[in-house]
Amino acid sequence: GFLPLGGELSPAEVGAAIASIAGFNDSDLDEDGPPRPADPL
């Protein structure tokens, strides 16, 4: 779905937006970069 962005977002909506952006950018395609850490966060 779509989350409208603006200054009236709740803290949980900001958390959902950050999680969505980070999840979208999650990739292991960079073989030259550092290995993925073991800690979940």
PDB file of all heavy atoms in Angstrom:
ATOM      1  N   GLY A   1       0.853  -1.181   0.000  1.00  0.00           N
ATOM      2  CA  GLY A   1       0.000   0.000   0.000  1.00  0.00           C
ATOM      3  C   GLY A   1       0.889   1.232   0.000  1.00  0.00           C
ATOM      4  O   GLY A   1       2.118   1.141  -0.082  1.00  0.00           O
ATOM      5  N   PHE A   2       0.281   2.397   0.093  1.00  0.00           N
ATOM      6  CA  PHE A   2       1.045   3.639   0.062  1.00  0.00           C
ATOM      7  C   PHE A   2       0.896   4.386   1.372  1.00  0.00           C
ATOM      8  O   PHE A   2      -0.216   4.541   1.879  1.00  0.00           O
ATOM      9  CB  PHE A   2       0.587   4.523  -1.098  1.00  0.00           C
ATOM     10  CG  PHE A   2       0.877   3.924  -2.439  1.00  0.00           C
ATOM     11  CD1 PHE A   2      -0.115   3.273  -3.152  1.00  0.00           C
ATOM     12  CD2 PHE A   2       2.153   3.985  -2.978  1.00  0.00           C
ATOM     13  CE1 PHE A   2       0.149   2.713  -4.385  1.00  0.00           C
ATOM     14  CE2 PHE A   2       2.430   3.427  -4.213  1.00  0.00           C
ATOM     15  CZ  PHE A   2       1.426   2.789  -4.918  1.00  0.00           C
ATOM     16  N   LEU A   3       2.006   4.851   1.919  1.00  0.00           N
ATOM     17  CA  LEU A   3       2.026   5.640   3.148  1.00  0.00           C
ATOM     18  C   LEU A   3       2.323   7.083   2.765  1.00  0.00           C
ATOM     19  O   LEU A   3       3.420   7.383   2.269  1.00  0.00           O
ATOM     20  CB  LEU A   3       3.108   5.114   4.101  1.00  0.00           C
ATOM     21  CG  LEU A   3       3.304   5.893   5.397  1.00  0.00           C
ATOM     22  CD1 LEU A   3       2.062   5.780   6.279  1.00  0.00           C
ATOM     23  CD2 LEU A   3       4.524   5.386   6.140  1.00  0.00           C
ATOM     24  N   PRO A   4       1.348   8.005   2.956  1.00  0.00           N
ATOM     25  CA  PRO A   4       1.620   9.416   2.670  1.00  0.00           C
ATOM     26  C   PRO A   4       2.655   9.953   3.658  1.00  0.00           C
ATOM     27  O   PRO A   4       2.536   9.753   4.861  1.00  0.00           O
ATOM     28  CB  PRO A   4       0.272  10.102   2.882  1.00  0.00           C
ATOM     29  CG  PRO A   4      -0.740   9.021   2.881  1.00  0.00           C
ATOM     30  CD  PRO A   4      -0.034   7.777   3.341  1.00  0.00           C
ATOM     31  N   LEU A   5       3.679  10.617   3.146  1.00  0.00           N
ATOM     32  CA  LEU A   5       4.749  11.134   3.991  1.00  0.00           C
ATOM     33  C   LEU A   5       4.476  12.579   4.369  1.00  0.00           C
ATOM     34  O   LEU A   5       3.987  13.357   3.555  1.00  0.00           O
ATOM     35  CB  LEU A   5       6.093  11.030   3.274  1.00  0.00           C
ATOM     36  CG  LEU A   5       6.501   9.625   2.849  1.00  0.00           C
ATOM     37  CD1 LEU A   5       7.810   9.670   2.086  1.00  0.00           C
ATOM     38  CD2 LEU A   5       6.593   8.700   4.053  1.00  0.00           C
ATOM     39  N   GLY A   6       4.777  12.921   5.603  1.00  0.00           N
ATOM     40  CA  GLY A   6       4.592  14.290   6.062  1.00  0.00           C
ATOM     41  C   GLY A   6       4.960  14.402   7.527  1.00  0.00           C
ATOM     42  O   GLY A   6       5.290  13.418   8.193  1.00  0.00           O
ATOM     43  N   GLY A   7       4.872  15.615   8.049  1.00  0.00           N
ATOM     44  CA  GLY A   7       5.263  15.885   9.424  1.00  0.00           C
ATOM     45  C   GLY A   7       4.325  15.332  10.467  1.00  0.00           C
ATOM     46  O   GLY A   7       4.657  15.331  11.655  1.00  0.00           O
ATOM     47  N   GLU A   8       3.159  14.824  10.064  1.00  0.00           N
ATOM     48  CA  GLU A   8       2.203  14.315  11.039  1.00  0.00           C
ATOM     49  C   GLU A   8       2.287  12.802  11.242  1.00  0.00           C
ATOM     50  O   GLU A   8       1.448  12.210  11.915  1.00  0.00           O
ATOM     51  CB  GLU A   8       0.772  14.699  10.623  1.00  0.00           C
ATOM     52  CG  GLU A   8       0.272  14.044   9.349  1.00  0.00           C
ATOM     53  CD  GLU A   8       0.763  14.724   8.072  1.00  0.00           C
ATOM     54  OE1 GLU A   8       1.338  15.815   8.134  1.00  0.00           O
ATOM     55  OE2 GLU A   8       0.591  14.139   7.002  1.00  0.00           O
ATOM     56  N   LEU A   9       3.334  12.151  10.722  1.00  0.00           N
ATOM     57  CA  LEU A   9       3.492  10.707  10.909  1.00  0.00           C
ATOM     58  C   LEU A   9       3.743  10.381  12.379  1.00  0.00           C
ATOM     59  O   LEU A   9       4.473  11.094  13.071  1.00  0.00           O
ATOM     60  CB  LEU A   9       4.666  10.175  10.089  1.00  0.00           C
ATOM     61  CG  LEU A   9       4.508  10.153   8.574  1.00  0.00           C
ATOM     62  CD1 LEU A   9       5.805   9.670   7.930  1.00  0.00           C
ATOM     63  CD2 LEU A   9       3.359   9.287   8.150  1.00  0.00           C
ATOM     64  N   SER A  10       3.157   9.278  12.827  1.00  0.00           N
ATOM     65  CA  SER A  10       3.414   8.808  14.188  1.00  0.00           C
ATOM     66  C   SER A  10       4.794   8.151  14.233  1.00  0.00           C
ATOM     67  O   SER A  10       5.346   7.790  13.185  1.00  0.00           O
ATOM     68  CB  SER A  10       2.342   7.788  14.595  1.00  0.00           C
ATOM     69  OG  SER A  10       2.518   6.578  13.875  1.00  0.00           O
ATOM     70  N   PRO A  11       5.357   7.960  15.436  1.00  0.00           N
ATOM     71  CA  PRO A  11       6.652   7.268  15.521  1.00  0.00           C
ATOM     72  C   PRO A  11       6.613   5.865  14.892  1.00  0.00           C
ATOM     73  O   PRO A  11       7.582   5.449  14.250  1.00  0.00           O
ATOM     74  CB  PRO A  11       6.921   7.200  17.023  1.00  0.00           C
ATOM     75  CG  PRO A  11       6.220   8.403  17.573  1.00  0.00           C
ATOM     76  CD  PRO A  11       4.963   8.516  16.743  1.00  0.00           C
ATOM     77  N   ALA A  12       5.506   5.160  15.041  1.00  0.00           N
ATOM     78  CA  ALA A  12       5.399   3.820  14.458  1.00  0.00           C
ATOM     79  C   ALA A  12       5.346   3.889  12.932  1.00  0.00           C
ATOM     80  O   ALA A  12       5.882   3.009  12.243  1.00  0.00           O
ATOM     81  CB  ALA A  12       4.172   3.103  15.003  1.00  0.00           C
ATOM     82  N   GLU A  13       4.717   4.931  12.366  1.00  0.00           N
ATOM     83  CA  GLU A  13       4.686   5.094  10.913  1.00  0.00           C
ATOM     84  C   GLU A  13       6.073   5.454  10.378  1.00  0.00           C
ATOM     85  O   GLU A  13       6.468   4.979   9.312  1.00  0.00           O
ATOM     86  CB  GLU A  13       3.664   6.161  10.515  1.00  0.00           C
ATOM     87  CG  GLU A  13       2.235   5.700  10.697  1.00  0.00           C
ATOM     88  CD  GLU A  13       1.233   6.816  10.486  1.00  0.00           C
ATOM     89  OE1 GLU A  13       1.533   7.978  10.845  1.00  0.00           O
ATOM     90  OE2 GLU A  13       0.141   6.526   9.962  1.00  0.00           O
ATOM     91  N   VAL A  14       6.819   6.265  11.125  1.00  0.00           N
ATOM     92  CA  VAL A  14       8.202   6.567  10.731  1.00  0.00           C
ATOM     93  C   VAL A  14       9.025   5.276  10.763  1.00  0.00           C
ATOM     94  O   VAL A  14       9.804   5.003   9.852  1.00  0.00           O
ATOM     95  CB  VAL A  14       8.825   7.640  11.656  1.00  0.00           C
ATOM     96  CG1 VAL A  14      10.314   7.794  11.379  1.00  0.00           C
ATOM     97  CG2 VAL A  14       8.107   8.969  11.492  1.00  0.00           C
ATOM     98  N   GLY A  15       8.836   4.458  11.800  1.00  0.00           N
ATOM     99  CA  GLY A  15       9.534   3.170  11.883  1.00  0.00           C
ATOM    100  C   GLY A  15       9.189   2.270  10.717  1.00  0.00           C
ATOM    101  O   GLY A  15      10.062   1.594  10.158  1.00  0.00           O
ATOM    102  N   ALA A  16       7.912   2.251  10.309  1.00  0.00           N
ATOM    103  CA  ALA A  16       7.492   1.438   9.164  1.00  0.00           C
ATOM    104  C   ALA A  16       8.136   1.950   7.880  1.00  0.00           C
ATOM    105  O   ALA A  16       8.563   1.157   7.030  1.00  0.00           O
ATOM    106  CB  ALA A  16       5.973   1.441   9.044  1.00  0.00           C
ATOM    107  N   ALA A  17       8.220   3.268   7.727  1.00  0.00           N
ATOM    108  CA  ALA A  17       8.837   3.845   6.533  1.00  0.00           C
ATOM    109  C   ALA A  17      10.323   3.479   6.457  1.00  0.00           C
ATOM    110  O   ALA A  17      10.812   3.059   5.399  1.00  0.00           O
ATOM    111  CB  ALA A  17       8.661   5.366   6.525  1.00  0.00           C
ATOM    112  N   ILE A  18      11.036   3.608   7.568  1.00  0.00           N
ATOM    113  CA  ILE A  18      12.467   3.273   7.593  1.00  0.00           C
ATOM    114  C   ILE A  18      12.680   1.785   7.322  1.00  0.00           C
ATOM    115  O   ILE A  18      13.571   1.396   6.570  1.00  0.00           O
ATOM    116  CB  ILE A  18      13.104   3.689   8.937  1.00  0.00           C
ATOM    117  CG1 ILE A  18      13.021   5.200   9.130  1.00  0.00           C
ATOM    118  CG2 ILE A  18      14.551   3.207   9.037  1.00  0.00           C
ATOM    119  CD1 ILE A  18      13.731   6.011   8.082  1.00  0.00           C
ATOM    120  N   ALA A  19      11.835   0.948   7.931  1.00  0.00           N
ATOM    121  CA  ALA A  19      11.954  -0.501   7.709  1.00  0.00           C
ATOM    122  C   ALA A  19      11.697  -0.849   6.251  1.00  0.00           C
ATOM    123  O   ALA A  19      12.375  -1.704   5.674  1.00  0.00           O
ATOM    124  CB  ALA A  19      10.974  -1.251   8.615  1.00  0.00           C
ATOM    125  N   SER A  20      10.728  -0.166   5.633  1.00  0.00           N
ATOM    126  CA  SER A  20      10.417  -0.424   4.232  1.00  0.00           C
ATOM    127  C   SER A  20      11.568  -0.004   3.323  1.00  0.00           C
ATOM    128  O   SER A  20      11.956  -0.734   2.409  1.00  0.00           O
ATOM    129  CB  SER A  20       9.134   0.316   3.848  1.00  0.00           C
ATOM    130  OG  SER A  20       8.781   0.028   2.525  1.00  0.00           O
ATOM    131  N   ILE A  21      12.135   1.172   3.567  1.00  0.00           N
ATOM    132  CA  ILE A  21      13.261   1.654   2.764  1.00  0.00           C
ATOM    133  C   ILE A  21      14.472   0.731   2.932  1.00  0.00           C
ATOM    134  O   ILE A  21      15.108   0.335   1.959  1.00  0.00           O
ATOM    135  CB  ILE A  21      13.623   3.103   3.146  1.00  0.00           C
ATOM    136  CG1 ILE A  21      12.499   4.053   2.720  1.00  0.00           C
ATOM    137  CG2 ILE A  21      14.949   3.521   2.512  1.00  0.00           C
ATOM    138  CD1 ILE A  21      12.624   5.440   3.296  1.00  0.00           C
ATOM    139  N   ALA A  22      14.781   0.367   4.175  1.00  0.00           N
ATOM    140  CA  ALA A  22      15.924  -0.510   4.428  1.00  0.00           C
ATOM    141  C   ALA A  22      15.692  -1.891   3.813  1.00  0.00           C
ATOM    142  O   ALA A  22      16.615  -2.481   3.235  1.00  0.00           O
ATOM    143  CB  ALA A  22      16.175  -0.633   5.931  1.00  0.00           C
ATOM    144  N   GLY A  23      14.471  -2.406   3.917  1.00  0.00           N
ATOM    145  CA  GLY A  23      14.163  -3.711   3.331  1.00  0.00           C
ATOM    146  C   GLY A  23      14.265  -3.697   1.818  1.00  0.00           C
ATOM    147  O   GLY A  23      14.743  -4.649   1.194  1.00  0.00           O
ATOM    148  N   PHE A  24      13.836  -2.606   1.197  1.00  0.00           N
ATOM    149  CA  PHE A  24      13.915  -2.471  -0.253  1.00  0.00           C
ATOM    150  C   PHE A  24      15.364  -2.435  -0.724  1.00  0.00           C
ATOM    151  O   PHE A  24      15.701  -2.947  -1.782  1.00  0.00           O
ATOM    152  CB  PHE A  24      13.185  -1.206  -0.705  1.00  0.00           C
ATOM    153  CG  PHE A  24      13.207  -0.994  -2.187  1.00  0.00           C
ATOM    154  CD1 PHE A  24      12.400  -1.737  -3.024  1.00  0.00           C
ATOM    155  CD2 PHE A  24      14.057  -0.057  -2.743  1.00  0.00           C
ATOM    156  CE1 PHE A  24      12.435  -1.547  -4.400  1.00  0.00           C
ATOM    157  CE2 PHE A  24      14.105   0.147  -4.115  1.00  0.00           C
ATOM    158  CZ  PHE A  24      13.282  -0.605  -4.947  1.00  0.00           C
ATOM    159  N   ASN A  25      16.230  -1.819   0.065  1.00  0.00           N
ATOM    160  CA  ASN A  25      17.637  -1.674  -0.311  1.00  0.00           C
ATOM    161  C   ASN A  25      18.505  -2.840   0.141  1.00  0.00           C
ATOM    162  O   ASN A  25      19.712  -2.807  -0.052  1.00  0.00           O
ATOM    163  CB  ASN A  25      18.197  -0.357   0.239  1.00  0.00           C
ATOM    164  CG  ASN A  25      17.641   0.829  -0.492  1.00  0.00           C
ATOM    165  OD1 ASN A  25      17.673   0.879  -1.709  1.00  0.00           O
ATOM    166  ND2 ASN A  25      17.105   1.778   0.239  1.00  0.00           N
ATOM    167  N   ASP A  26      17.921  -3.860   0.760  1.00  0.00           N
ATOM    168  CA  ASP A  26      18.671  -5.011   1.253  1.00  0.00           C
ATOM    169  C   ASP A  26      19.163  -5.841   0.068  1.00  0.00           C
ATOM    170  O   ASP A  26      18.379  -6.345  -0.719  1.00  0.00           O
ATOM    171  CB  ASP A  26      17.797  -5.859   2.157  1.00  0.00           C
ATOM    172  CG  ASP A  26      18.546  -7.009   2.780  1.00  0.00           C
ATOM    173  OD1 ASP A  26      19.772  -6.916   2.917  1.00  0.00           O
ATOM    174  OD2 ASP A  26      17.893  -8.015   3.139  1.00  0.00           O
ATOM    175  N   SER A  27      20.459  -5.940  -0.076  1.00  0.00           N
ATOM    176  CA  SER A  27      21.031  -6.667  -1.203  1.00  0.00           C
ATOM    177  C   SER A  27      22.408  -7.191  -0.837  1.00  0.00           C
ATOM    178  O   SER A  27      23.170  -6.533  -0.142  1.00  0.00           O
ATOM    179  CB  SER A  27      21.129  -5.749  -2.414  1.00  0.00           C
ATOM    180  OG  SER A  27      21.796  -6.389  -3.459  1.00  0.00           O
ATOM    181  N   ASP A  28      22.738  -8.361  -1.325  1.00  0.00           N
ATOM    182  CA  ASP A  28      24.071  -8.931  -1.138  1.00  0.00           C
ATOM    183  C   ASP A  28      24.841  -8.950  -2.461  1.00  0.00           C
ATOM    184  O   ASP A  28      25.732  -9.760  -2.661  1.00  0.00           O
ATOM    185  CB  ASP A  28      23.974 -10.358  -0.589  1.00  0.00           C
ATOM    186  CG  ASP A  28      23.691 -10.383   0.891  1.00  0.00           C
ATOM    187  OD1 ASP A  28      24.098  -9.440   1.581  1.00  0.00           O
ATOM    188  OD2 ASP A  28      23.052 -11.334   1.353  1.00  0.00           O
ATOM    189  N   LEU A  29      24.492  -8.053  -3.376  1.00  0.00           N
ATOM    190  CA  LEU A  29      25.125  -8.051  -4.690  1.00  0.00           C
ATOM    191  C   LEU A  29      26.547  -7.505  -4.678  1.00  0.00           C
ATOM    192  O   LEU A  29      27.307  -7.764  -5.594  1.00  0.00           O
ATOM    193  CB  LEU A  29      24.268  -7.240  -5.669  1.00  0.00           C
ATOM    194  CG  LEU A  29      22.859  -7.791  -5.899  1.00  0.00           C
ATOM    195  CD1 LEU A  29      22.090  -6.873  -6.838  1.00  0.00           C
ATOM    196  CD2 LEU A  29      22.913  -9.197  -6.456  1.00  0.00           C
ATOM    197  N   ASP A  30      26.901  -6.757  -3.633  1.00  0.00           N
ATOM    198  CA  ASP A  30      28.236  -6.159  -3.560  1.00  0.00           C
ATOM    199  C   ASP A  30      29.208  -7.175  -2.961  1.00  0.00           C
ATOM    200  O   ASP A  30      29.373  -7.278  -1.756  1.00  0.00           O
ATOM    201  CB  ASP A  30      28.202  -4.890  -2.718  1.00  0.00           C
ATOM    202  CG  ASP A  30      29.532  -4.161  -2.708  1.00  0.00           C
ATOM    203  OD1 ASP A  30      30.401  -4.504  -3.534  1.00  0.00           O
ATOM    204  OD2 ASP A  30      29.684  -3.250  -1.884  1.00  0.00           O
ATOM    205  N   GLU A  31      29.871  -7.936  -3.824  1.00  0.00           N
ATOM    206  CA  GLU A  31      30.790  -8.975  -3.349  1.00  0.00           C
ATOM    207  C   GLU A  31      32.077  -8.395  -2.786  1.00  0.00           C
ATOM    208  O   GLU A  31      32.784  -9.065  -2.038  1.00  0.00           O
ATOM    209  CB  GLU A  31      31.093  -9.932  -4.488  1.00  0.00           C
ATOM    210  CG  GLU A  31      29.876 -10.707  -4.952  1.00  0.00           C
ATOM    211  CD  GLU A  31      30.173 -11.558  -6.163  1.00  0.00           C
ATOM    212  OE1 GLU A  31      31.340 -11.623  -6.586  1.00  0.00           O
ATOM    213  OE2 GLU A  31      29.223 -12.160  -6.683  1.00  0.00           O
ATOM    214  N   ASP A  32      32.394  -7.144  -3.130  1.00  0.00           N
ATOM    215  CA  ASP A  32      33.626  -6.526  -2.652  1.00  0.00           C
ATOM    216  C   ASP A  32      33.446  -5.863  -1.294  1.00  0.00           C
ATOM    217  O   ASP A  32      34.419  -5.464  -0.662  1.00  0.00           O
ATOM    218  CB  ASP A  32      34.115  -5.471  -3.658  1.00  0.00           C
ATOM    219  CG  ASP A  32      34.488  -6.091  -4.997  1.00  0.00           C
ATOM    220  OD1 ASP A  32      34.898  -7.267  -5.000  1.00  0.00           O
ATOM    221  OD2 ASP A  32      34.343  -5.407  -6.021  1.00  0.00           O
ATOM    222  N   GLY A  33      32.219  -5.740  -0.820  1.00  0.00           N
ATOM    223  CA  GLY A  33      31.943  -5.074   0.447  1.00  0.00           C
ATOM    224  C   GLY A  33      32.147  -6.002   1.630  1.00  0.00           C
ATOM    225  O   GLY A  33      32.468  -7.190   1.483  1.00  0.00           O
ATOM    226  N   PRO A  34      31.953  -5.472   2.828  1.00  0.00           N
ATOM    227  CA  PRO A  34      32.117  -6.291   4.033  1.00  0.00           C
ATOM    228  C   PRO A  34      31.015  -7.347   4.129  1.00  0.00           C
ATOM    229  O   PRO A  34      29.933  -7.170   3.571  1.00  0.00           O
ATOM    230  CB  PRO A  34      32.000  -5.272   5.166  1.00  0.00           C
ATOM    231  CG  PRO A  34      31.205  -4.150   4.591  1.00  0.00           C
ATOM    232  CD  PRO A  34      31.554  -4.102   3.145  1.00  0.00           C
ATOM    233  N   PRO A  35      31.287  -8.445   4.822  1.00  0.00           N
ATOM    234  CA  PRO A  35      30.267  -9.487   4.970  1.00  0.00           C
ATOM    235  C   PRO A  35      29.114  -9.001   5.851  1.00  0.00           C
ATOM    236  O   PRO A  35      29.263  -8.084   6.649  1.00  0.00           O
ATOM    237  CB  PRO A  35      31.020 -10.641   5.636  1.00  0.00           C
ATOM    238  CG  PRO A  35      32.167  -9.988   6.328  1.00  0.00           C
ATOM    239  CD  PRO A  35      32.526  -8.783   5.502  1.00  0.00           C
ATOM    240  N   ARG A  36      27.955  -9.639   5.689  1.00  0.00           N
ATOM    241  CA  ARG A  36      26.777  -9.296   6.467  1.00  0.00           C
ATOM    242  C   ARG A  36      27.010  -9.659   7.939  1.00  0.00           C
ATOM    243  O   ARG A  36      27.414 -10.769   8.248  1.00  0.00           O
ATOM    244  CB  ARG A  36      25.574 -10.063   5.941  1.00  0.00           C
ATOM    245  CG  ARG A  36      24.270  -9.709   6.624  1.00  0.00           C
ATOM    246  CD  ARG A  36      23.105 -10.439   5.987  1.00  0.00           C
ATOM    247  NE  ARG A  36      22.870  -9.993   4.636  1.00  0.00           N
ATOM    248  CZ  ARG A  36      22.078  -8.975   4.320  1.00  0.00           C
ATOM    249  NH1 ARG A  36      21.463  -8.311   5.259  1.00  0.00           N
ATOM    250  NH2 ARG A  36      21.907  -8.635   3.065  1.00  0.00           N
ATOM    251  N   PRO A  37      26.755  -8.725   8.879  1.00  0.00           N
ATOM    252  CA  PRO A  37      26.927  -9.002  10.307  1.00  0.00           C
ATOM    253  C   PRO A  37      25.950 -10.076  10.802  1.00  0.00           C
ATOM    254  O   PRO A  37      24.888 -10.283  10.221  1.00  0.00           O
ATOM    255  CB  PRO A  37      26.629  -7.666  10.980  1.00  0.00           C
ATOM    256  CG  PRO A  37      26.745  -6.639   9.904  1.00  0.00           C
ATOM    257  CD  PRO A  37      26.392  -7.336   8.635  1.00  0.00           C
ATOM    258  N   ALA A  38      26.282 -10.740  11.896  1.00  0.00           N
ATOM    259  CA  ALA A  38      25.436 -11.793  12.455  1.00  0.00           C
ATOM    260  C   ALA A  38      24.282 -11.220  13.291  1.00  0.00           C
ATOM    261  O   ALA A  38      23.215 -11.825  13.365  1.00  0.00           O
ATOM    262  CB  ALA A  38      26.269 -12.731  13.317  1.00  0.00           C
ATOM    263  N   ASP A  39      24.462 -10.061  13.912  1.00  0.00           N
ATOM    264  CA  ASP A  39      23.419  -9.424  14.713  1.00  0.00           C
ATOM    265  C   ASP A  39      22.218  -9.087  13.828  1.00  0.00           C
ATOM    266  O   ASP A  39      22.391  -8.505  12.756  1.00  0.00           O
ATOM    267  CB  ASP A  39      23.995  -8.146  15.348  1.00  0.00           C
ATOM    268  CG  ASP A  39      22.948  -7.304  16.029  1.00  0.00           C
ATOM    269  OD1 ASP A  39      22.252  -7.816  16.903  1.00  0.00           O
ATOM    270  OD2 ASP A  39      22.831  -6.120  15.632  1.00  0.00           O
ATOM    271  N   PRO A  40      20.958  -9.442  14.238  1.00  0.00           N
ATOM    272  CA  PRO A  40      19.792  -9.215  13.377  1.00  0.00           C
ATOM    273  C   PRO A  40      19.603  -7.757  12.945  1.00  0.00           C
ATOM    274  O   PRO A  40      19.337  -7.493  11.770  1.00  0.00           O
ATOM    275  CB  PRO A  40      18.618  -9.674  14.231  1.00  0.00           C
ATOM    276  CG  PRO A  40      19.198 -10.637  15.205  1.00  0.00           C
ATOM    277  CD  PRO A  40      20.598 -10.148  15.463  1.00  0.00           C
ATOM    278  N   LEU A  41      19.744  -6.796  13.864  1.00  0.00           N
ATOM    279  CA  LEU A  41      19.565  -5.398  13.502  1.00  0.00           C
ATOM    280  C   LEU A  41      20.664  -4.935  12.549  1.00  0.00           C
ATOM    281  O   LEU A  41      20.393  -4.330  11.512  1.00  0.00           O
ATOM    282  CB  LEU A  41      19.525  -4.518  14.745  1.00  0.00           C
ATOM    283  CG  LEU A  41      19.380  -3.010  14.503  1.00  0.00           C
ATOM    284  CD1 LEU A  41      18.119  -2.721  13.707  1.00  0.00           C
ATOM    285  CD2 LEU A  41      19.400  -2.244  15.808  1.00  0.00           C
TER     286      LEU A  41
END
